Amino acid sequence: MKLIIYEMNEWLAAEILGWVYEAPYDFYNNSVTPEGIRELLDQPYYAVLSDGRELAGFFCIGESAQVPAGASVGAYTEGSIDIGIGMNPNLTGKGMGFTFFSFILTHLQDTFPGVPTRLTVASFNRRAIRLYTKIGFHETMRFQRGAIEFVVMTRE
């Protein structure tokens, strides 16, 4: 699968916000609202399309990739670029995550050479944590937001 990064637009944002994940990943479900669309357009969010122009997923960087509760416990120190990703639910669980995430990481390394990458993932999302570990991320800390525990992982 060949992937390309595409600038976020209103149509892509609405498509992403309308994705429906099965339990337990339904934690990541959103609603298509004007506010949600505005967030994806105003923040550094990017769409990832396949060569067939199918929306494969998205990524965001910087503060938009952070879980706000993590800032109060010191999870987000300076010196790393934060990344958040989401994959089209029609493509998850099919062994495509490695290619998808590696493509995004290569783009980040080209854009921010030498800067460590950091991500935050819900601890129940073992499938994602396995992928991140396989790609070279390691756990640096955990924190709670309500009933959900989050894992912060970094890669040098």
N, C-alpha and C. Protein backbone atom coordinates (compact mmCIF):
# COMPACT_ATOMS: atom_id res chain seq x y z
N MET A 1 0.85 -1.18 0.00
CA MET A 1 0.00 0.00 0.00
C MET A 1 0.89 1.24 0.00
N LYS A 2 0.76 2.08 -1.00
CA LYS A 2 1.49 3.34 -1.08
C LYS A 2 0.63 4.41 -0.40
N LEU A 3 1.26 5.23 0.42
CA LEU A 3 0.54 6.25 1.18
C LEU A 3 1.04 7.64 0.83
N ILE A 4 0.14 8.61 0.96
CA ILE A 4 0.51 10.01 0.77
C ILE A 4 -0.12 10.84 1.89
N ILE A 5 0.56 11.92 2.24
CA ILE A 5 0.04 12.85 3.24
C ILE A 5 -0.71 13.94 2.50
N TYR A 6 -1.88 14.25 3.01
CA TYR A 6 -2.76 15.20 2.36
C TYR A 6 -3.18 16.24 3.39
N GLU A 7 -3.26 17.48 2.97
CA GLU A 7 -3.70 18.53 3.88
C GLU A 7 -5.15 18.27 4.30
N MET A 8 -5.41 18.45 5.60
CA MET A 8 -6.76 18.22 6.12
C MET A 8 -7.72 19.23 5.50
N ASN A 9 -8.90 18.75 5.14
CA ASN A 9 -9.95 19.64 4.66
C ASN A 9 -11.26 19.26 5.36
N GLU A 10 -12.30 20.02 5.11
CA GLU A 10 -13.56 19.82 5.81
C GLU A 10 -14.16 18.44 5.53
N TRP A 11 -14.09 17.98 4.29
CA TRP A 11 -14.65 16.68 3.95
C TRP A 11 -13.91 15.56 4.67
N LEU A 12 -12.57 15.61 4.65
CA LEU A 12 -11.76 14.58 5.32
C LEU A 12 -11.99 14.60 6.83
N ALA A 13 -12.07 15.81 7.41
CA ALA A 13 -12.32 15.92 8.85
C ALA A 13 -13.65 15.29 9.22
N ALA A 14 -14.69 15.56 8.45
CA ALA A 14 -16.01 14.98 8.73
C ALA A 14 -15.98 13.46 8.59
N GLU A 15 -15.27 12.97 7.60
CA GLU A 15 -15.13 11.52 7.41
C GLU A 15 -14.47 10.88 8.63
N ILE A 16 -13.39 11.47 9.10
CA ILE A 16 -12.66 10.94 10.26
C ILE A 16 -13.53 10.97 11.51
N LEU A 17 -14.20 12.08 11.74
CA LEU A 17 -15.05 12.19 12.94
C LEU A 17 -16.21 11.22 12.92
N GLY A 18 -16.60 10.77 11.74
CA GLY A 18 -17.70 9.82 11.61
C GLY A 18 -17.30 8.36 11.72
N TRP A 19 -16.02 8.08 11.84
CA TRP A 19 -15.58 6.69 11.96
C TRP A 19 -16.15 6.06 13.22
N VAL A 20 -16.52 4.80 13.11
CA VAL A 20 -17.07 4.05 14.25
C VAL A 20 -16.19 2.81 14.48
N TYR A 21 -15.60 2.76 15.66
CA TYR A 21 -14.76 1.63 16.05
C TYR A 21 -15.56 0.68 16.92
N GLU A 22 -15.27 -0.62 16.82
CA GLU A 22 -15.90 -1.63 17.66
C GLU A 22 -15.26 -1.61 19.05
N ALA A 23 -16.01 -2.06 20.06
CA ALA A 23 -15.48 -2.16 21.42
C ALA A 23 -14.25 -3.08 21.41
N PRO A 24 -13.25 -2.81 22.20
CA PRO A 24 -13.14 -1.74 23.18
C PRO A 24 -12.63 -0.43 22.59
N TYR A 25 -12.40 -0.41 21.28
CA TYR A 25 -11.82 0.77 20.64
C TYR A 25 -12.84 1.88 20.42
N ASP A 26 -14.10 1.65 20.81
CA ASP A 26 -15.13 2.68 20.67
C ASP A 26 -14.83 3.90 21.54
N PHE A 27 -13.88 3.78 22.43
CA PHE A 27 -13.36 4.91 23.20
C PHE A 27 -12.92 6.03 22.26
N TYR A 28 -12.48 5.66 21.06
CA TYR A 28 -11.96 6.63 20.08
C TYR A 28 -13.04 7.19 19.16
N ASN A 29 -14.29 6.76 19.32
CA ASN A 29 -15.37 7.29 18.48
C ASN A 29 -15.62 8.76 18.79
N ASN A 30 -15.99 9.51 17.78
CA ASN A 30 -16.31 10.93 17.90
C ASN A 30 -17.67 11.20 17.28
N SER A 31 -18.04 12.45 17.27
CA SER A 31 -19.26 12.90 16.58
C SER A 31 -18.87 13.96 15.57
N VAL A 32 -19.58 13.98 14.47
CA VAL A 32 -19.34 15.01 13.47
C VAL A 32 -20.06 16.27 13.92
N THR A 33 -19.29 17.23 14.39
CA THR A 33 -19.83 18.51 14.84
C THR A 33 -19.02 19.64 14.21
N PRO A 34 -19.59 20.83 14.12
CA PRO A 34 -18.80 21.95 13.60
C PRO A 34 -17.54 22.20 14.43
N GLU A 35 -17.64 22.02 15.76
CA GLU A 35 -16.48 22.22 16.63
C GLU A 35 -15.40 21.18 16.35
N GLY A 36 -15.81 19.92 16.18
CA GLY A 36 -14.86 18.86 15.88
C GLY A 36 -14.15 19.09 14.56
N ILE A 37 -14.91 19.48 13.55
CA ILE A 37 -14.32 19.77 12.24
C ILE A 37 -13.34 20.93 12.36
N ARG A 38 -13.74 21.97 13.07
CA ARG A 38 -12.87 23.14 13.24
C ARG A 38 -11.56 22.75 13.92
N GLU A 39 -11.63 21.86 14.94
CA GLU A 39 -10.41 21.43 15.63
C GLU A 39 -9.45 20.74 14.66
N LEU A 40 -9.97 19.86 13.82
CA LEU A 40 -9.10 19.15 12.88
C LEU A 40 -8.54 20.07 11.80
N LEU A 41 -9.26 21.15 11.50
CA LEU A 41 -8.78 22.11 10.50
C LEU A 41 -7.82 23.13 11.10
N ASP A 42 -8.03 23.52 12.36
CA ASP A 42 -7.23 24.57 12.98
C ASP A 42 -5.96 24.06 13.63
N GLN A 43 -5.93 22.80 14.02
CA GLN A 43 -4.76 22.22 14.67
C GLN A 43 -3.90 21.52 13.61
N PRO A 44 -2.69 21.13 13.97
CA PRO A 44 -1.85 20.44 12.98
C PRO A 44 -2.26 18.97 12.80
N TYR A 45 -3.35 18.75 12.06
CA TYR A 45 -3.84 17.42 11.69
C TYR A 45 -3.61 17.22 10.20
N TYR A 46 -3.24 16.00 9.84
CA TYR A 46 -2.97 15.66 8.44
C TYR A 46 -3.66 14.35 8.10
N ALA A 47 -4.18 14.26 6.90
CA ALA A 47 -4.81 13.02 6.43
C ALA A 47 -3.76 12.16 5.74
N VAL A 48 -3.93 10.85 5.83
CA VAL A 48 -3.07 9.91 5.13
C VAL A 48 -3.98 9.11 4.19
N LEU A 49 -3.71 9.24 2.89
CA LEU A 49 -4.52 8.56 1.88
C LEU A 49 -3.70 7.46 1.22
N SER A 50 -4.39 6.41 0.81
CA SER A 50 -3.72 5.35 0.05
C SER A 50 -3.61 5.81 -1.40
N ASP A 51 -2.83 5.06 -2.18
CA ASP A 51 -2.67 5.43 -3.58
C ASP A 51 -3.98 5.38 -4.34
N GLY A 52 -4.95 4.64 -3.82
CA GLY A 52 -6.28 4.62 -4.42
C GLY A 52 -7.17 5.73 -3.91
N ARG A 53 -6.57 6.66 -3.16
CA ARG A 53 -7.26 7.83 -2.58
C ARG A 53 -8.24 7.46 -1.48
N GLU A 54 -8.10 6.26 -0.91
CA GLU A 54 -8.92 5.91 0.25
C GLU A 54 -8.29 6.57 1.48
N LEU A 55 -9.13 7.09 2.36
CA LEU A 55 -8.65 7.70 3.59
C LEU A 55 -8.19 6.59 4.53
N ALA A 56 -6.88 6.43 4.65
CA ALA A 56 -6.30 5.36 5.48
C ALA A 56 -6.25 5.75 6.94
N GLY A 57 -6.09 7.05 7.20
CA GLY A 57 -6.00 7.50 8.59
C GLY A 57 -5.58 8.95 8.66
N PHE A 58 -5.10 9.32 9.83
CA PHE A 58 -4.67 10.69 10.06
C PHE A 58 -3.59 10.69 11.12
N PHE A 59 -2.92 11.83 11.24
CA PHE A 59 -2.04 12.04 12.38
C PHE A 59 -2.07 13.50 12.77
N CYS A 60 -1.73 13.75 14.02
CA CYS A 60 -1.61 15.12 14.51
C CYS A 60 -0.30 15.21 15.27
N ILE A 61 0.20 16.42 15.40
CA ILE A 61 1.46 16.62 16.11
C ILE A 61 1.32 17.77 17.10
N GLY A 62 2.26 17.81 18.03
CA GLY A 62 2.29 18.88 19.01
C GLY A 62 1.26 18.70 20.10
N GLU A 63 0.79 19.81 20.61
CA GLU A 63 -0.14 19.81 21.74
C GLU A 63 -1.44 19.06 21.42
N SER A 64 -1.87 19.08 20.18
CA SER A 64 -3.11 18.39 19.82
C SER A 64 -2.98 16.87 19.97
N ALA A 65 -1.75 16.36 20.07
CA ALA A 65 -1.52 14.92 20.25
C ALA A 65 -1.41 14.54 21.72
N GLN A 66 -1.48 15.51 22.61
CA GLN A 66 -1.33 15.26 24.04
C GLN A 66 -2.69 15.10 24.71
N VAL A 67 -2.72 14.28 25.76
CA VAL A 67 -3.90 14.16 26.61
C VAL A 67 -3.75 15.25 27.66
N PRO A 68 -4.69 16.21 27.75
CA PRO A 68 -4.51 17.35 28.65
C PRO A 68 -4.15 16.98 30.09
N ALA A 69 -4.70 15.90 30.62
CA ALA A 69 -4.39 15.50 32.00
C ALA A 69 -2.91 15.16 32.18
N GLY A 70 -2.23 14.80 31.12
CA GLY A 70 -0.82 14.45 31.22
C GLY A 70 0.07 15.64 31.53
N ALA A 71 -0.32 16.82 31.10
CA ALA A 71 0.49 18.01 31.35
C ALA A 71 0.62 18.28 32.84
N SER A 72 -0.44 18.04 33.60
CA SER A 72 -0.41 18.33 35.04
C SER A 72 0.46 17.35 35.83
N VAL A 73 0.84 16.23 35.23
CA VAL A 73 1.70 15.26 35.92
C VAL A 73 3.09 15.19 35.28
N GLY A 74 3.42 16.16 34.44
CA GLY A 74 4.75 16.25 33.86
C GLY A 74 5.04 15.27 32.74
N ALA A 75 4.01 14.81 32.06
CA ALA A 75 4.21 13.83 30.99
C ALA A 75 4.85 14.42 29.74
N TYR A 76 4.70 15.72 29.56
CA TYR A 76 5.10 16.33 28.29
C TYR A 76 6.20 17.37 28.48
N THR A 77 7.40 16.90 28.77
CA THR A 77 8.54 17.80 28.90
C THR A 77 8.99 18.23 27.50
N GLU A 78 9.74 19.31 27.45
CA GLU A 78 10.24 19.83 26.18
C GLU A 78 11.24 18.85 25.55
N GLY A 79 11.44 18.98 24.27
CA GLY A 79 12.48 18.23 23.59
C GLY A 79 12.01 17.06 22.75
N SER A 80 10.71 16.79 22.74
CA SER A 80 10.16 15.71 21.91
C SER A 80 9.01 16.26 21.09
N ILE A 81 8.75 15.63 19.96
CA ILE A 81 7.56 15.97 19.17
C ILE A 81 6.49 14.93 19.49
N ASP A 82 5.33 15.41 19.91
CA ASP A 82 4.22 14.51 20.22
C ASP A 82 3.46 14.18 18.95
N ILE A 83 3.03 12.92 18.86
CA ILE A 83 2.27 12.48 17.70
C ILE A 83 1.06 11.68 18.16
N GLY A 84 -0.05 11.90 17.48
CA GLY A 84 -1.24 11.10 17.68
C GLY A 84 -1.65 10.55 16.32
N ILE A 85 -2.14 9.33 16.29
CA ILE A 85 -2.56 8.74 15.02
C ILE A 85 -3.94 8.11 15.16
N GLY A 86 -4.60 7.99 14.05
CA GLY A 86 -5.86 7.25 13.97
C GLY A 86 -5.91 6.57 12.62
N MET A 87 -6.36 5.34 12.63
CA MET A 87 -6.44 4.57 11.39
C MET A 87 -7.89 4.27 11.07
N ASN A 88 -8.23 4.30 9.81
CA ASN A 88 -9.58 3.98 9.35
C ASN A 88 -9.99 2.64 9.95
N PRO A 89 -11.14 2.58 10.64
CA PRO A 89 -11.54 1.32 11.27
C PRO A 89 -11.71 0.16 10.29
N ASN A 90 -11.91 0.44 9.02
CA ASN A 90 -11.99 -0.63 8.02
C ASN A 90 -10.63 -1.27 7.75
N LEU A 91 -9.55 -0.61 8.21
CA LEU A 91 -8.20 -1.12 7.96
C LEU A 91 -7.53 -1.67 9.21
N THR A 92 -8.12 -1.43 10.39
CA THR A 92 -7.47 -1.87 11.63
C THR A 92 -7.56 -3.38 11.78
N GLY A 93 -6.58 -3.92 12.50
CA GLY A 93 -6.56 -5.35 12.78
C GLY A 93 -6.23 -6.22 11.58
N LYS A 94 -5.69 -5.62 10.53
CA LYS A 94 -5.39 -6.37 9.29
C LYS A 94 -3.90 -6.37 8.97
N GLY A 95 -3.08 -6.06 9.96
CA GLY A 95 -1.63 -6.08 9.75
C GLY A 95 -1.09 -4.91 8.97
N MET A 96 -1.85 -3.83 8.85
CA MET A 96 -1.41 -2.67 8.07
C MET A 96 -0.85 -1.55 8.94
N GLY A 97 -0.97 -1.70 10.25
CA GLY A 97 -0.54 -0.66 11.17
C GLY A 97 0.94 -0.34 11.07
N PHE A 98 1.78 -1.36 10.90
CA PHE A 98 3.22 -1.14 10.83
C PHE A 98 3.57 -0.25 9.64
N THR A 99 3.04 -0.56 8.48
CA THR A 99 3.30 0.24 7.28
C THR A 99 2.77 1.65 7.45
N PHE A 100 1.56 1.77 7.97
CA PHE A 100 0.92 3.07 8.17
C PHE A 100 1.74 3.95 9.12
N PHE A 101 2.08 3.42 10.30
CA PHE A 101 2.78 4.22 11.30
C PHE A 101 4.23 4.48 10.88
N SER A 102 4.88 3.52 10.25
CA SER A 102 6.26 3.72 9.78
C SER A 102 6.32 4.85 8.76
N PHE A 103 5.32 4.91 7.89
CA PHE A 103 5.26 5.98 6.89
C PHE A 103 5.18 7.35 7.58
N ILE A 104 4.33 7.46 8.59
CA ILE A 104 4.18 8.72 9.31
C ILE A 104 5.47 9.07 10.04
N LEU A 105 6.10 8.09 10.69
CA LEU A 105 7.34 8.35 11.41
C LEU A 105 8.46 8.79 10.48
N THR A 106 8.53 8.21 9.30
CA THR A 106 9.54 8.64 8.32
C THR A 106 9.33 10.10 7.95
N HIS A 107 8.08 10.49 7.75
CA HIS A 107 7.77 11.89 7.46
C HIS A 107 8.21 12.79 8.61
N LEU A 108 7.93 12.39 9.84
CA LEU A 108 8.32 13.20 11.00
C LEU A 108 9.84 13.29 11.12
N GLN A 109 10.54 12.20 10.89
CA GLN A 109 12.01 12.22 10.97
C GLN A 109 12.60 13.14 9.91
N ASP A 110 11.99 13.17 8.73
CA ASP A 110 12.45 14.07 7.68
C ASP A 110 12.15 15.53 8.02
N THR A 111 11.02 15.76 8.68
CA THR A 111 10.59 17.11 9.02
C THR A 111 11.28 17.64 10.27
N PHE A 112 11.51 16.76 11.24
CA PHE A 112 12.12 17.13 12.52
C PHE A 112 13.32 16.22 12.79
N PRO A 113 14.39 16.35 12.01
CA PRO A 113 15.51 15.41 12.17
C PRO A 113 16.13 15.48 13.57
N GLY A 114 16.39 14.31 14.13
CA GLY A 114 17.05 14.22 15.42
C GLY A 114 16.18 14.49 16.64
N VAL A 115 14.90 14.79 16.43
CA VAL A 115 14.01 15.09 17.55
C VAL A 115 13.29 13.80 17.97
N PRO A 116 13.38 13.42 19.26
CA PRO A 116 12.67 12.22 19.71
C PRO A 116 11.16 12.37 19.52
N THR A 117 10.49 11.25 19.32
CA THR A 117 9.05 11.21 19.11
C THR A 117 8.38 10.64 20.35
N ARG A 118 7.25 11.23 20.73
CA ARG A 118 6.51 10.78 21.92
C ARG A 118 5.05 10.60 21.54
N LEU A 119 4.41 9.61 22.15
CA LEU A 119 2.98 9.40 21.94
C LEU A 119 2.33 9.00 23.26
N THR A 120 1.02 9.13 23.31
CA THR A 120 0.24 8.74 24.48
C THR A 120 -0.88 7.83 23.99
N VAL A 121 -1.04 6.69 24.67
CA VAL A 121 -2.02 5.69 24.25
C VAL A 121 -2.75 5.16 25.47
N ALA A 122 -4.04 4.88 25.33
CA ALA A 122 -4.81 4.27 26.42
C ALA A 122 -4.23 2.89 26.70
N SER A 123 -4.03 2.57 27.98
CA SER A 123 -3.35 1.32 28.34
C SER A 123 -4.12 0.07 27.90
N PHE A 124 -5.44 0.18 27.72
CA PHE A 124 -6.20 -0.99 27.26
C PHE A 124 -5.92 -1.33 25.80
N ASN A 125 -5.35 -0.40 25.06
CA ASN A 125 -5.11 -0.58 23.63
C ASN A 125 -3.81 -1.37 23.41
N ARG A 126 -3.85 -2.62 23.81
CA ARG A 126 -2.66 -3.48 23.74
C ARG A 126 -2.18 -3.68 22.30
N ARG A 127 -3.11 -3.70 21.38
CA ARG A 127 -2.75 -3.88 19.97
C ARG A 127 -1.85 -2.73 19.52
N ALA A 128 -2.21 -1.50 19.86
CA ALA A 128 -1.39 -0.35 19.49
C ALA A 128 -0.06 -0.37 20.24
N ILE A 129 -0.08 -0.71 21.52
CA ILE A 129 1.15 -0.73 22.31
C ILE A 129 2.13 -1.75 21.74
N ARG A 130 1.65 -2.90 21.29
CA ARG A 130 2.52 -3.90 20.64
C ARG A 130 3.16 -3.31 19.39
N LEU A 131 2.36 -2.61 18.60
CA LEU A 131 2.88 -1.98 17.38
C LEU A 131 3.95 -0.95 17.73
N TYR A 132 3.65 -0.08 18.68
CA TYR A 132 4.59 0.98 19.04
C TYR A 132 5.89 0.40 19.57
N THR A 133 5.80 -0.67 20.36
CA THR A 133 7.00 -1.32 20.89
C THR A 133 7.81 -1.94 19.75
N LYS A 134 7.13 -2.56 18.81
CA LYS A 134 7.80 -3.18 17.66
C LYS A 134 8.56 -2.13 16.84
N ILE A 135 8.02 -0.93 16.78
CA ILE A 135 8.64 0.14 15.99
C ILE A 135 9.76 0.84 16.77
N GLY A 136 9.89 0.54 18.06
CA GLY A 136 11.01 1.09 18.83
C GLY A 136 10.65 2.05 19.94
N PHE A 137 9.37 2.21 20.24
CA PHE A 137 8.95 3.06 21.35
C PHE A 137 9.08 2.27 22.66
N HIS A 138 9.33 3.00 23.74
CA HIS A 138 9.36 2.37 25.07
C HIS A 138 8.57 3.25 26.04
N GLU A 139 8.00 2.61 27.04
CA GLU A 139 7.18 3.31 28.02
C GLU A 139 8.05 4.20 28.90
N THR A 140 7.58 5.43 29.11
CA THR A 140 8.29 6.35 29.99
C THR A 140 7.49 6.69 31.24
N MET A 141 6.17 6.64 31.15
CA MET A 141 5.34 6.88 32.33
C MET A 141 3.89 6.52 32.05
N ARG A 142 3.09 6.50 33.13
CA ARG A 142 1.64 6.27 33.04
C ARG A 142 0.95 7.34 33.88
N PHE A 143 -0.30 7.66 33.48
CA PHE A 143 -1.12 8.56 34.28
C PHE A 143 -2.59 8.24 34.04
N GLN A 144 -3.43 8.72 34.91
CA GLN A 144 -4.88 8.48 34.85
C GLN A 144 -5.61 9.73 34.40
N ARG A 145 -6.66 9.54 33.65
CA ARG A 145 -7.64 10.59 33.39
C ARG A 145 -8.99 9.92 33.62
N GLY A 146 -9.57 10.20 34.76
CA GLY A 146 -10.80 9.51 35.13
C GLY A 146 -10.52 8.04 35.30
N ALA A 147 -11.32 7.20 34.65
CA ALA A 147 -11.17 5.75 34.76
C ALA A 147 -10.15 5.19 33.77
N ILE A 148 -9.63 6.02 32.89
CA ILE A 148 -8.73 5.54 31.84
C ILE A 148 -7.27 5.80 32.22
N GLU A 149 -6.46 4.75 32.11
CA GLU A 149 -5.02 4.90 32.31
C GLU A 149 -4.37 5.10 30.95
N PHE A 150 -3.41 6.02 30.90
CA PHE A 150 -2.68 6.30 29.67
C PHE A 150 -1.20 5.96 29.84
N VAL A 151 -0.60 5.51 28.75
CA VAL A 151 0.82 5.17 28.72
C VAL A 151 1.50 6.18 27.79
N VAL A 152 2.57 6.80 28.29
CA VAL A 152 3.38 7.69 27.47
C VAL A 152 4.58 6.87 27.00
N MET A 153 4.84 6.92 25.70
CA MET A 153 5.94 6.15 25.10
C MET A 153 6.80 7.09 24.26
N THR A 154 8.11 6.84 24.23
CA THR A 154 9.01 7.66 23.43
C THR A 154 9.91 6.79 22.58
N ARG A 155 10.42 7.42 21.53
CA ARG A 155 11.40 6.78 20.65
C ARG A 155 12.44 7.82 20.30
N GLU A 156 13.68 7.46 20.51
CA GLU A 156 14.80 8.38 20.23
C GLU A 156 15.06 8.47 18.75
